[in-house]
């Protein structure tokens, strides 16, 4: 079996879609994490995805506009998606 990858989902423009995609990635045996660029929108669809991600132990970090924090997350990941 292949070694587990560290997948980072960076939620930028379509944040709800990024959360949904990250939820789907939890079906793999890989480590999934989310870095939200700025504040996440409010609404029931966001709450639903955050609950699913919390259940799957997927960390959701809000990096605000901190380019250095985001760069460090990218460097320490095997696969990065920008959505």
Protein backbone atom coordinates (compact mmCIF):
# COMPACT_ATOMS: atom_id res chain seq x y z
CA UNK A 1 0.00 0.00 0.00
CA UNK A 2 1.21 3.50 -0.82
CA UNK A 3 2.25 5.88 1.92
CA UNK A 4 -0.47 8.32 3.02
CA UNK A 5 -0.23 11.78 1.50
CA UNK A 6 -0.71 15.10 3.27
CA UNK A 7 -3.40 16.95 1.32
CA UNK A 8 -4.02 20.65 1.87
CA UNK A 9 -7.20 22.27 0.58
CA UNK A 10 -6.82 26.06 0.39
CA UNK A 11 -10.26 27.68 0.44
CA UNK A 12 -10.01 31.02 -1.35
CA UNK A 13 -12.84 32.00 -3.71
CA UNK A 14 -15.29 29.09 -3.52
CA UNK A 15 -14.92 28.26 0.14
CA UNK A 16 -18.06 26.16 0.52
CA UNK A 17 -17.00 24.07 -2.48
CA UNK A 18 -13.52 23.66 -0.98
CA UNK A 19 -15.05 22.40 2.27
CA UNK A 20 -17.23 19.96 0.33
CA UNK A 21 -14.27 18.68 -1.67
CA UNK A 22 -12.22 18.21 1.50
CA UNK A 23 -15.08 16.19 2.99
CA UNK A 24 -14.94 13.91 -0.02
CA UNK A 25 -11.19 13.50 0.30
CA UNK A 26 -11.66 12.05 3.80
CA UNK A 27 -12.77 8.82 2.10
CA UNK A 28 -9.14 8.22 1.21
CA UNK A 29 -6.51 7.09 3.68
CA UNK A 30 -4.68 10.39 3.28
CA UNK A 31 -4.32 13.22 5.80
CA UNK A 32 -6.56 16.15 4.84
CA UNK A 33 -6.32 19.71 6.19
CA UNK A 34 -7.98 22.98 5.21
CA UNK A 35 -6.48 26.47 5.18
CA UNK A 36 -9.17 29.11 4.76
CA UNK A 37 -7.89 32.36 3.22
CA UNK A 38 -9.93 34.97 5.06
CA UNK A 39 -13.16 34.40 6.94
CA UNK A 40 -15.47 31.56 5.98
CA UNK A 41 -18.95 32.59 4.91
CA UNK A 42 -21.87 31.98 7.24
CA UNK A 43 -24.82 29.76 6.50
CA UNK A 44 -26.24 26.28 6.95
CA UNK A 45 -24.18 24.79 4.10
CA UNK A 46 -20.96 25.89 5.81
CA UNK A 47 -22.10 24.59 9.20
CA UNK A 48 -22.98 21.23 7.63
CA UNK A 49 -19.55 20.86 6.00
CA UNK A 50 -17.69 21.99 9.13
CA UNK A 51 -19.58 19.40 11.21
CA UNK A 52 -18.66 16.65 8.74
CA UNK A 53 -15.02 17.76 8.73
CA UNK A 54 -14.95 17.90 12.52
CA UNK A 55 -16.35 14.36 12.66
CA UNK A 56 -13.54 13.23 10.32
CA UNK A 57 -10.92 15.07 12.44
CA UNK A 58 -9.96 17.38 9.57
CA UNK A 59 -8.33 20.55 10.90
CA UNK A 60 -9.68 23.82 9.51
CA UNK A 61 -7.23 26.68 9.98
CA UNK A 62 -8.11 30.24 9.12
CA UNK A 63 -4.91 31.82 7.83
CA UNK A 64 -6.46 35.23 7.26
CA UNK A 65 -4.13 37.17 5.01
CA UNK A 66 -0.96 35.64 6.54
CA UNK A 67 1.08 34.68 3.48
CA UNK A 68 3.91 33.20 5.58
CA UNK A 69 1.57 30.84 7.46
CA UNK A 70 -0.01 29.70 4.20
CA UNK A 71 3.41 29.20 2.57
CA UNK A 72 4.52 26.99 5.45
CA UNK A 73 1.37 24.89 5.13
CA UNK A 74 1.95 24.49 1.39
CA UNK A 75 5.60 23.49 1.82
CA UNK A 76 4.67 20.83 4.37
CA UNK A 77 2.02 19.24 2.13
CA UNK A 78 2.34 16.62 -0.59
CA UNK A 79 -0.70 17.77 -2.57
CA UNK A 80 -2.31 21.23 -2.53
CA UNK A 81 -5.66 22.25 -4.04
CA UNK A 82 -6.61 25.92 -4.43
CA UNK A 83 -10.36 26.47 -4.71
